[in-house]
């Protein structure tokens, strides 16, 4: 795989559009899947978009984005739990 300026010599508009399409799908699907707003019917396309992005050297960006969304979700869950525990409202 090429990196840096050498990679730019081979970037075509089609290549850029493919990466952008996959990234856009990945971002929207990440939020839907993590927040359970979507069933797993899109999981196959989600996997394909991740594979393509990783193949183009974007695996660290994919990991960072996914983990950031997961962290935000877990923080929300912990805050909600703490509110319940401190208020004594268990039921």
PDB file of N, CA and C in Angstrom:
ATOM      1  N   UNK A   1       0.842  -1.173   0.000  1.00  0.00           N
ATOM      2  CA  UNK A   1       0.000   0.000   0.000  1.00  0.00           C
ATOM      3  C   UNK A   1       0.889   1.239   0.000  1.00  0.00           C
ATOM      4  N   UNK A   2       0.496   2.236  -0.764  1.00  0.00           N
ATOM      5  CA  UNK A   2       1.233   3.488  -0.822  1.00  0.00           C
ATOM      6  C   UNK A   2       0.780   4.412   0.294  1.00  0.00           C
ATOM      7  N   UNK A   3       1.675   5.277   0.717  1.00  0.00           N
ATOM      8  CA  UNK A   3       1.347   6.224   1.782  1.00  0.00           C
ATOM      9  C   UNK A   3       1.765   7.628   1.371  1.00  0.00           C
ATOM     10  N   UNK A   4       1.191   8.612   2.015  1.00  0.00           N
ATOM     11  CA  UNK A   4       1.590  10.000   1.824  1.00  0.00           C
ATOM     12  C   UNK A   4       1.391  10.497   0.422  1.00  0.00           C
ATOM     13  N   UNK A   5       2.360  11.301  -0.047  1.00  0.00           N
ATOM     14  CA  UNK A   5       2.233  11.946  -1.349  1.00  0.00           C
ATOM     15  C   UNK A   5       2.257  10.938  -2.494  1.00  0.00           C
ATOM     16  N   UNK A   6       2.918   9.799  -2.321  1.00  0.00           N
ATOM     17  CA  UNK A   6       2.927   8.777  -3.378  1.00  0.00           C
ATOM     18  C   UNK A   6       1.524   8.253  -3.628  1.00  0.00           C
ATOM     19  N   UNK A   7       0.726   8.172  -2.561  1.00  0.00           N
ATOM     20  CA  UNK A   7      -0.644   7.695  -2.710  1.00  0.00           C
ATOM     21  C   UNK A   7      -1.480   8.688  -3.501  1.00  0.00           C
ATOM     22  N   UNK A   8      -1.225   9.975  -3.340  1.00  0.00           N
ATOM     23  CA  UNK A   8      -2.019  10.994  -4.027  1.00  0.00           C
ATOM     24  C   UNK A   8      -1.889  10.906  -5.545  1.00  0.00           C
ATOM     25  N   UNK A   9      -0.778  10.390  -6.022  1.00  0.00           N
ATOM     26  CA  UNK A   9      -0.594  10.233  -7.470  1.00  0.00           C
ATOM     27  C   UNK A   9      -1.594   9.246  -8.057  1.00  0.00           C
ATOM     28  N   UNK A  10      -2.131   8.354  -7.240  1.00  0.00           N
ATOM     29  CA  UNK A  10      -3.022   7.314  -7.733  1.00  0.00           C
ATOM     30  C   UNK A  10      -4.484   7.533  -7.351  1.00  0.00           C
ATOM     31  N   UNK A  11      -4.758   8.595  -6.641  1.00  0.00           N
ATOM     32  CA  UNK A  11      -6.128   8.862  -6.202  1.00  0.00           C
ATOM     33  C   UNK A  11      -6.921   9.437  -7.364  1.00  0.00           C
ATOM     34  N   UNK A  12      -7.988   8.753  -7.688  1.00  0.00           N
ATOM     35  CA  UNK A  12      -8.889   9.234  -8.732  1.00  0.00           C
ATOM     36  C   UNK A  12     -10.172   9.708  -8.081  1.00  0.00           C
ATOM     37  N   UNK A  13     -10.985  10.386  -8.855  1.00  0.00           N
ATOM     38  CA  UNK A  13     -12.266  10.842  -8.323  1.00  0.00           C
ATOM     39  C   UNK A  13     -13.120   9.642  -7.918  1.00  0.00           C
ATOM     40  N   UNK A  14     -13.073   8.571  -8.695  1.00  0.00           N
ATOM     41  CA  UNK A  14     -13.836   7.356  -8.382  1.00  0.00           C
ATOM     42  C   UNK A  14     -13.378   6.749  -7.056  1.00  0.00           C
ATOM     43  N   UNK A  15     -12.076   6.705  -6.849  1.00  0.00           N
ATOM     44  CA  UNK A  15     -11.499   6.197  -5.606  1.00  0.00           C
ATOM     45  C   UNK A  15     -11.986   7.030  -4.420  1.00  0.00           C
ATOM     46  N   UNK A  16     -11.904   8.347  -4.553  1.00  0.00           N
ATOM     47  CA  UNK A  16     -12.328   9.249  -3.495  1.00  0.00           C
ATOM     48  C   UNK A  16     -13.814   9.093  -3.202  1.00  0.00           C
ATOM     49  N   UNK A  17     -14.637   9.004  -4.229  1.00  0.00           N
ATOM     50  CA  UNK A  17     -16.091   8.855  -4.055  1.00  0.00           C
ATOM     51  C   UNK A  17     -16.403   7.542  -3.346  1.00  0.00           C
ATOM     52  N   UNK A  18     -15.691   6.471  -3.700  1.00  0.00           N
ATOM     53  CA  UNK A  18     -15.916   5.176  -3.057  1.00  0.00           C
ATOM     54  C   UNK A  18     -15.594   5.246  -1.560  1.00  0.00           C
ATOM     55  N   UNK A  19     -14.471   5.850  -1.212  1.00  0.00           N
ATOM     56  CA  UNK A  19     -14.102   5.979   0.195  1.00  0.00           C
ATOM     57  C   UNK A  19     -15.099   6.861   0.929  1.00  0.00           C
ATOM     58  N   UNK A  20     -15.481   7.964   0.327  1.00  0.00           N
ATOM     59  CA  UNK A  20     -16.446   8.871   0.953  1.00  0.00           C
ATOM     60  C   UNK A  20     -17.792   8.184   1.163  1.00  0.00           C
ATOM     61  N   UNK A  21     -18.246   7.417   0.187  1.00  0.00           N
ATOM     62  CA  UNK A  21     -19.518   6.689   0.312  1.00  0.00           C
ATOM     63  C   UNK A  21     -19.441   5.673   1.451  1.00  0.00           C
ATOM     64  N   UNK A  22     -18.348   4.934   1.504  1.00  0.00           N
ATOM     65  CA  UNK A  22     -18.181   3.940   2.568  1.00  0.00           C
ATOM     66  C   UNK A  22     -18.076   4.610   3.934  1.00  0.00           C
ATOM     67  N   UNK A  23     -17.349   5.717   4.008  1.00  0.00           N
ATOM     68  CA  UNK A  23     -17.209   6.416   5.288  1.00  0.00           C
ATOM     69  C   UNK A  23     -18.564   6.930   5.759  1.00  0.00           C
ATOM     70  N   UNK A  24     -19.326   7.530   4.868  1.00  0.00           N
ATOM     71  CA  UNK A  24     -20.641   8.068   5.222  1.00  0.00           C
ATOM     72  C   UNK A  24     -21.548   6.957   5.732  1.00  0.00           C
ATOM     73  N   UNK A  25     -21.552   5.823   5.053  1.00  0.00           N
ATOM     74  CA  UNK A  25     -22.369   4.693   5.481  1.00  0.00           C
ATOM     75  C   UNK A  25     -21.884   4.179   6.834  1.00  0.00           C
ATOM     76  N   UNK A  26     -20.582   4.041   6.985  1.00  0.00           N
ATOM     77  CA  UNK A  26     -20.008   3.550   8.238  1.00  0.00           C
ATOM     78  C   UNK A  26     -20.407   4.450   9.412  1.00  0.00           C
ATOM     79  N   UNK A  27     -20.289   5.761   9.238  1.00  0.00           N
ATOM     80  CA  UNK A  27     -20.606   6.703  10.311  1.00  0.00           C
ATOM     81  C   UNK A  27     -22.081   6.608  10.702  1.00  0.00           C
ATOM     82  N   UNK A  28     -22.969   6.590   9.722  1.00  0.00           N
ATOM     83  CA  UNK A  28     -24.398   6.531  10.049  1.00  0.00           C
ATOM     84  C   UNK A  28     -24.768   5.187  10.667  1.00  0.00           C
ATOM     85  N   UNK A  29     -24.182   4.123  10.163  1.00  0.00           N
ATOM     86  CA  UNK A  29     -24.472   2.785  10.689  1.00  0.00           C
ATOM     87  C   UNK A  29     -23.915   2.605  12.096  1.00  0.00           C
ATOM     88  N   UNK A  30     -22.748   3.154  12.374  1.00  0.00           N
ATOM     89  CA  UNK A  30     -22.158   3.029  13.701  1.00  0.00           C
ATOM     90  C   UNK A  30     -23.126   3.543  14.750  1.00  0.00           C
ATOM     91  N   UNK A  31     -23.629   4.733  14.519  1.00  0.00           N
ATOM     92  CA  UNK A  31     -24.543   5.335  15.485  1.00  0.00           C
ATOM     93  C   UNK A  31     -25.818   4.498  15.619  1.00  0.00           C
ATOM     94  N   UNK A  32     -26.369   4.053  14.504  1.00  0.00           N
ATOM     95  CA  UNK A  32     -27.609   3.278  14.540  1.00  0.00           C
ATOM     96  C   UNK A  32     -27.419   1.942  15.252  1.00  0.00           C
ATOM     97  N   UNK A  33     -26.328   1.259  14.957  1.00  0.00           N
ATOM     98  CA  UNK A  33     -26.095  -0.056  15.555  1.00  0.00           C
ATOM     99  C   UNK A  33     -25.752   0.040  17.041  1.00  0.00           C
ATOM    100  N   UNK A  34     -24.902   0.989  17.410  1.00  0.00           N
ATOM    101  CA  UNK A  34     -24.510   1.123  18.812  1.00  0.00           C
ATOM    102  C   UNK A  34     -25.694   1.570  19.657  1.00  0.00           C
ATOM    103  N   UNK A  35     -26.499   2.457  19.133  1.00  0.00           N
ATOM    104  CA  UNK A  35     -27.637   2.978  19.900  1.00  0.00           C
ATOM    105  C   UNK A  35     -28.888   2.122  19.729  1.00  0.00           C
ATOM    106  N   UNK A  36     -28.760   1.011  19.037  1.00  0.00           N
ATOM    107  CA  UNK A  36     -29.866   0.057  18.833  1.00  0.00           C
ATOM    108  C   UNK A  36     -31.062   0.695  18.136  1.00  0.00           C
ATOM    109  N   UNK A  37     -30.800   1.651  17.258  1.00  0.00           N
ATOM    110  CA  UNK A  37     -31.872   2.252  16.473  1.00  0.00           C
ATOM    111  C   UNK A  37     -32.082   1.503  15.155  1.00  0.00           C
ATOM    112  N   UNK A  38     -31.315   0.491  14.945  1.00  0.00           N
ATOM    113  CA  UNK A  38     -31.361  -0.228  13.670  1.00  0.00           C
ATOM    114  C   UNK A  38     -31.222  -1.718  13.963  1.00  0.00           C
ATOM    115  N   UNK A  39     -31.955  -2.515  13.223  1.00  0.00           N
ATOM    116  CA  UNK A  39     -31.732  -3.946  13.375  1.00  0.00           C
ATOM    117  C   UNK A  39     -30.451  -4.309  12.624  1.00  0.00           C
ATOM    118  N   UNK A  40     -30.102  -5.539  12.620  1.00  0.00           N
ATOM    119  CA  UNK A  40     -28.833  -5.940  12.014  1.00  0.00           C
ATOM    120  C   UNK A  40     -28.924  -6.192  10.509  1.00  0.00           C
ATOM    121  N   UNK A  41     -29.986  -5.740   9.876  1.00  0.00           N
ATOM    122  CA  UNK A  41     -30.131  -5.978   8.447  1.00  0.00           C
ATOM    123  C   UNK A  41     -29.035  -5.278   7.640  1.00  0.00           C
ATOM    124  N   UNK A  42     -28.479  -4.200   8.156  1.00  0.00           N
ATOM    125  CA  UNK A  42     -27.431  -3.475   7.443  1.00  0.00           C
ATOM    126  C   UNK A  42     -26.031  -3.956   7.822  1.00  0.00           C
ATOM    127  N   UNK A  43     -25.941  -4.963   8.662  1.00  0.00           N
ATOM    128  CA  UNK A  43     -24.642  -5.417   9.169  1.00  0.00           C
ATOM    129  C   UNK A  43     -23.712  -5.876   8.055  1.00  0.00           C
ATOM    130  N   UNK A  44     -24.242  -6.517   7.040  1.00  0.00           N
ATOM    131  CA  UNK A  44     -23.416  -7.002   5.943  1.00  0.00           C
ATOM    132  C   UNK A  44     -22.756  -5.839   5.199  1.00  0.00           C
ATOM    133  N   UNK A  45     -23.531  -4.826   4.865  1.00  0.00           N
ATOM    134  CA  UNK A  45     -22.979  -3.642   4.193  1.00  0.00           C
ATOM    135  C   UNK A  45     -22.036  -2.892   5.137  1.00  0.00           C
ATOM    136  N   UNK A  46     -22.355  -2.882   6.411  1.00  0.00           N
ATOM    137  CA  UNK A  46     -21.503  -2.256   7.421  1.00  0.00           C
ATOM    138  C   UNK A  46     -20.124  -2.921   7.421  1.00  0.00           C
ATOM    139  N   UNK A  47     -20.108  -4.250   7.417  1.00  0.00           N
ATOM    140  CA  UNK A  47     -18.839  -4.994   7.372  1.00  0.00           C
ATOM    141  C   UNK A  47     -18.069  -4.695   6.096  1.00  0.00           C
ATOM    142  N   UNK A  48     -18.776  -4.633   4.962  1.00  0.00           N
ATOM    143  CA  UNK A  48     -18.108  -4.337   3.691  1.00  0.00           C
ATOM    144  C   UNK A  48     -17.481  -2.944   3.703  1.00  0.00           C
ATOM    145  N   UNK A  49     -18.205  -1.972   4.267  1.00  0.00           N
ATOM    146  CA  UNK A  49     -17.649  -0.616   4.297  1.00  0.00           C
ATOM    147  C   UNK A  49     -16.415  -0.563   5.200  1.00  0.00           C
ATOM    148  N   UNK A  50     -16.446  -1.281   6.313  1.00  0.00           N
ATOM    149  CA  UNK A  50     -15.275  -1.332   7.195  1.00  0.00           C
ATOM    150  C   UNK A  50     -14.099  -1.986   6.474  1.00  0.00           C
ATOM    151  N   UNK A  51     -14.354  -3.087   5.795  1.00  0.00           N
ATOM    152  CA  UNK A  51     -13.281  -3.785   5.081  1.00  0.00           C
ATOM    153  C   UNK A  51     -12.657  -2.891   4.019  1.00  0.00           C
ATOM    154  N   UNK A  52     -13.476  -2.174   3.267  1.00  0.00           N
ATOM    155  CA  UNK A  52     -12.952  -1.308   2.220  1.00  0.00           C
ATOM    156  C   UNK A  52     -12.136  -0.160   2.821  1.00  0.00           C
ATOM    157  N   UNK A  53     -12.649   0.450   3.873  1.00  0.00           N
ATOM    158  CA  UNK A  53     -11.914   1.544   4.508  1.00  0.00           C
ATOM    159  C   UNK A  53     -10.581   1.053   5.062  1.00  0.00           C
ATOM    160  N   UNK A  54     -10.573  -0.116   5.672  1.00  0.00           N
ATOM    161  CA  UNK A  54      -9.334  -0.678   6.210  1.00  0.00           C
ATOM    162  C   UNK A  54      -8.359  -1.018   5.085  1.00  0.00           C
ATOM    163  N   UNK A  55      -8.877  -1.535   3.990  1.00  0.00           N
ATOM    164  CA  UNK A  55      -8.037  -1.874   2.843  1.00  0.00           C
ATOM    165  C   UNK A  55      -7.326  -0.639   2.300  1.00  0.00           C
ATOM    166  N   UNK A  56      -7.950   0.518   2.462  1.00  0.00           N
ATOM    167  CA  UNK A  56      -7.362   1.769   1.975  1.00  0.00           C
ATOM    168  C   UNK A  56      -6.562   2.490   3.055  1.00  0.00           C
ATOM    169  N   UNK A  57      -6.217   1.770   4.123  1.00  0.00           N
ATOM    170  CA  UNK A  57      -5.342   2.324   5.142  1.00  0.00           C
ATOM    171  C   UNK A  57      -6.026   3.185   6.185  1.00  0.00           C
ATOM    172  N   UNK A  58      -7.332   3.056   6.316  1.00  0.00           N
ATOM    173  CA  UNK A  58      -8.068   3.892   7.258  1.00  0.00           C
ATOM    174  C   UNK A  58      -8.532   3.131   8.500  1.00  0.00           C
ATOM    175  N   UNK A  59      -7.885   2.028   8.812  1.00  0.00           N
ATOM    176  CA  UNK A  59      -8.330   1.199   9.938  1.00  0.00           C
ATOM    177  C   UNK A  59      -8.269   1.949  11.266  1.00  0.00           C
ATOM    178  N   UNK A  60      -7.245   2.752  11.481  1.00  0.00           N
ATOM    179  CA  UNK A  60      -7.164   3.471  12.757  1.00  0.00           C
ATOM    180  C   UNK A  60      -8.280   4.506  12.872  1.00  0.00           C
ATOM    181  N   UNK A  61      -8.662   5.114  11.770  1.00  0.00           N
ATOM    182  CA  UNK A  61      -9.759   6.089  11.789  1.00  0.00           C
ATOM    183  C   UNK A  61     -11.079   5.374  12.084  1.00  0.00           C
ATOM    184  N   UNK A  62     -11.270   4.210  11.479  1.00  0.00           N
ATOM    185  CA  UNK A  62     -12.473   3.409  11.714  1.00  0.00           C
ATOM    186  C   UNK A  62     -12.547   3.003  13.185  1.00  0.00           C
ATOM    187  N   UNK A  63     -11.452   2.495  13.719  1.00  0.00           N
ATOM    188  CA  UNK A  63     -11.416   2.082  15.129  1.00  0.00           C
ATOM    189  C   UNK A  63     -11.699   3.257  16.055  1.00  0.00           C
ATOM    190  N   UNK A  64     -11.032   4.377  15.805  1.00  0.00           N
ATOM    191  CA  UNK A  64     -11.219   5.555  16.658  1.00  0.00           C
ATOM    192  C   UNK A  64     -12.667   6.024  16.658  1.00  0.00           C
ATOM    193  N   UNK A  65     -13.261   6.084  15.482  1.00  0.00           N
ATOM    194  CA  UNK A  65     -14.648   6.551  15.375  1.00  0.00           C
ATOM    195  C   UNK A  65     -15.592   5.615  16.124  1.00  0.00           C
ATOM    196  N   UNK A  66     -15.448   4.317  15.896  1.00  0.00           N
ATOM    197  CA  UNK A  66     -16.327   3.344  16.545  1.00  0.00           C
ATOM    198  C   UNK A  66     -16.165   3.386  18.066  1.00  0.00           C
ATOM    199  N   UNK A  67     -14.930   3.393  18.525  1.00  0.00           N
ATOM    200  CA  UNK A  67     -14.680   3.402  19.972  1.00  0.00           C
ATOM    201  C   UNK A  67     -15.146   4.703  20.624  1.00  0.00           C
ATOM    202  N   UNK A  68     -15.029   5.809  19.915  1.00  0.00           N
ATOM    203  CA  UNK A  68     -15.516   7.075  20.452  1.00  0.00           C
ATOM    204  C   UNK A  68     -17.030   7.025  20.647  1.00  0.00           C
ATOM    205  N   UNK A  69     -17.758   6.499  19.671  1.00  0.00           N
ATOM    206  CA  UNK A  69     -19.208   6.378  19.814  1.00  0.00           C
ATOM    207  C   UNK A  69     -19.577   5.418  20.940  1.00  0.00           C
ATOM    208  N   UNK A  70     -18.852   4.334  21.052  1.00  0.00           N
ATOM    209  CA  UNK A  70     -19.097   3.382  22.125  1.00  0.00           C
ATOM    210  C   UNK A  70     -18.831   4.023  23.490  1.00  0.00           C
ATOM    211  N   UNK A  71     -17.770   4.793  23.602  1.00  0.00           N
ATOM    212  CA  UNK A  71     -17.446   5.472  24.852  1.00  0.00           C
ATOM    213  C   UNK A  71     -18.545   6.455  25.251  1.00  0.00           C
ATOM    214  N   UNK A  72     -19.045   7.213  24.294  1.00  0.00           N
ATOM    215  CA  UNK A  72     -20.121   8.172  24.571  1.00  0.00           C
ATOM    216  C   UNK A  72     -21.360   7.442  25.072  1.00  0.00           C
ATOM    217  N   UNK A  73     -21.694   6.326  24.435  1.00  0.00           N
ATOM    218  CA  UNK A  73     -22.857   5.547  24.858  1.00  0.00           C
ATOM    219  C   UNK A  73     -22.675   5.027  26.278  1.00  0.00           C
ATOM    220  N   UNK A  74     -21.513   4.485  26.577  1.00  0.00           N
ATOM    221  CA  UNK A  74     -21.259   3.955  27.915  1.00  0.00           C
ATOM    222  C   UNK A  74     -21.294   5.056  28.969  1.00  0.00           C
ATOM    223  N   UNK A  75     -20.791   6.233  28.632  1.00  0.00           N
ATOM    224  CA  UNK A  75     -20.855   7.351  29.569  1.00  0.00           C
ATOM    225  C   UNK A  75     -22.307   7.726  29.864  1.00  0.00           C
ATOM    226  N   UNK A  76     -23.150   7.724  28.846  1.00  0.00           N
ATOM    227  CA  UNK A  76     -24.575   8.028  29.048  1.00  0.00           C
ATOM    228  C   UNK A  76     -25.231   6.983  29.944  1.00  0.00           C
ATOM    229  N   UNK A  77     -24.902   5.714  29.728  1.00  0.00           N
ATOM    230  CA  UNK A  77     -25.473   4.640  30.546  1.00  0.00           C
ATOM    231  C   UNK A  77     -25.044   4.790  32.001  1.00  0.00           C
ATOM    232  N   UNK A  78     -23.769   5.070  32.219  1.00  0.00           N
ATOM    233  CA  UNK A  78     -23.268   5.239  33.585  1.00  0.00           C
ATOM    234  C   UNK A  78     -23.946   6.433  34.254  1.00  0.00           C
ATOM    235  N   UNK A  79     -24.088   7.545  33.535  1.00  0.00           N
ATOM    236  CA  UNK A  79     -24.756   8.725  34.115  1.00  0.00           C
ATOM    237  C   UNK A  79     -26.197   8.403  34.496  1.00  0.00           C
ATOM    238  N   UNK A  80     -26.904   7.691  33.620  1.00  0.00           N
ATOM    239  CA  UNK A  80     -28.293   7.318  33.923  1.00  0.00           C
ATOM    240  C   UNK A  80     -28.348   6.400  35.141  1.00  0.00           C
ATOM    241  N   UNK A  81     -27.437   5.443  35.207  1.00  0.00           N
ATOM    242  CA  UNK A  81     -27.382   4.527  36.342  1.00  0.00           C
ATOM    243  C   UNK A  81     -27.117   5.293  37.634  1.00  0.00           C
ATOM    244  N   UNK A  82     -26.179   6.213  37.577  1.00  0.00           N
ATOM    245  CA  UNK A  82     -25.847   6.987  38.769  1.00  0.00           C
ATOM    246  C   UNK A  82     -27.033   7.843  39.216  1.00  0.00           C
ATOM    247  N   UNK A  83     -27.792   8.369  38.293  1.00  0.00           N
ATOM    248  CA  UNK A  83     -28.986   9.145  38.642  1.00  0.00           C
ATOM    249  C   UNK A  83     -30.012   8.267  39.345  1.00  0.00           C
ATOM    250  N   UNK A  84     -30.173   7.071  38.841  1.00  0.00           N
ATOM    251  CA  UNK A  84     -31.127   6.130  39.455  1.00  0.00           C
ATOM    252  C   UNK A  84     -30.661   5.755  40.854  1.00  0.00           C
ATOM    253  N   UNK A  85     -29.389   5.429  40.994  1.00  0.00           N
ATOM    254  CA  UNK A  85     -28.857   5.017  42.296  1.00  0.00           C
ATOM    255  C   UNK A  85     -28.942   6.147  43.306  1.00  0.00           C
ATOM    256  N   UNK A  86     -28.577   7.341  42.916  1.00  0.00           N
ATOM    257  CA  UNK A  86     -28.579   8.462  43.863  1.00  0.00           C
ATOM    258  C   UNK A  86     -29.994   8.935  44.198  1.00  0.00           C
ATOM    259  N   UNK A  87     -30.935   8.732  43.294  1.00  0.00           N
ATOM    260  CA  UNK A  87     -32.311   9.160  43.585  1.00  0.00           C
ATOM    261  C   UNK A  87     -33.086   8.094  44.356  1.00  0.00           C
ATOM    262  N   UNK A  88     -32.563   6.864  44.344  1.00  0.00           N
ATOM    263  CA  UNK A  88     -33.256   5.765  45.035  1.00  0.00           C
ATOM    264  C   UNK A  88     -34.456   5.235  44.268  1.00  0.00           C
ATOM    265  N   UNK A  89     -34.579   5.637  43.009  1.00  0.00           N
ATOM    266  CA  UNK A  89     -35.705   5.208  42.168  1.00  0.00           C
ATOM    267  C   UNK A  89     -35.325   3.928  41.424  1.00  0.00           C
ATOM    268  N   UNK A  90     -35.580   2.779  42.038  1.00  0.00           N
ATOM    269  CA  UNK A  90     -35.206   1.500  41.449  1.00  0.00           C
ATOM    270  C   UNK A  90     -36.348   0.792  40.751  1.00  0.00           C
ATOM    271  N   UNK A  91     -37.480   1.350  40.715  1.00  0.00           N
ATOM    272  CA  UNK A  91     -38.543   0.551  40.167  1.00  0.00           C
ATOM    273  C   UNK A  91     -39.527   1.265  39.400  1.00  0.00           C
TER     274      UNK A  91
END
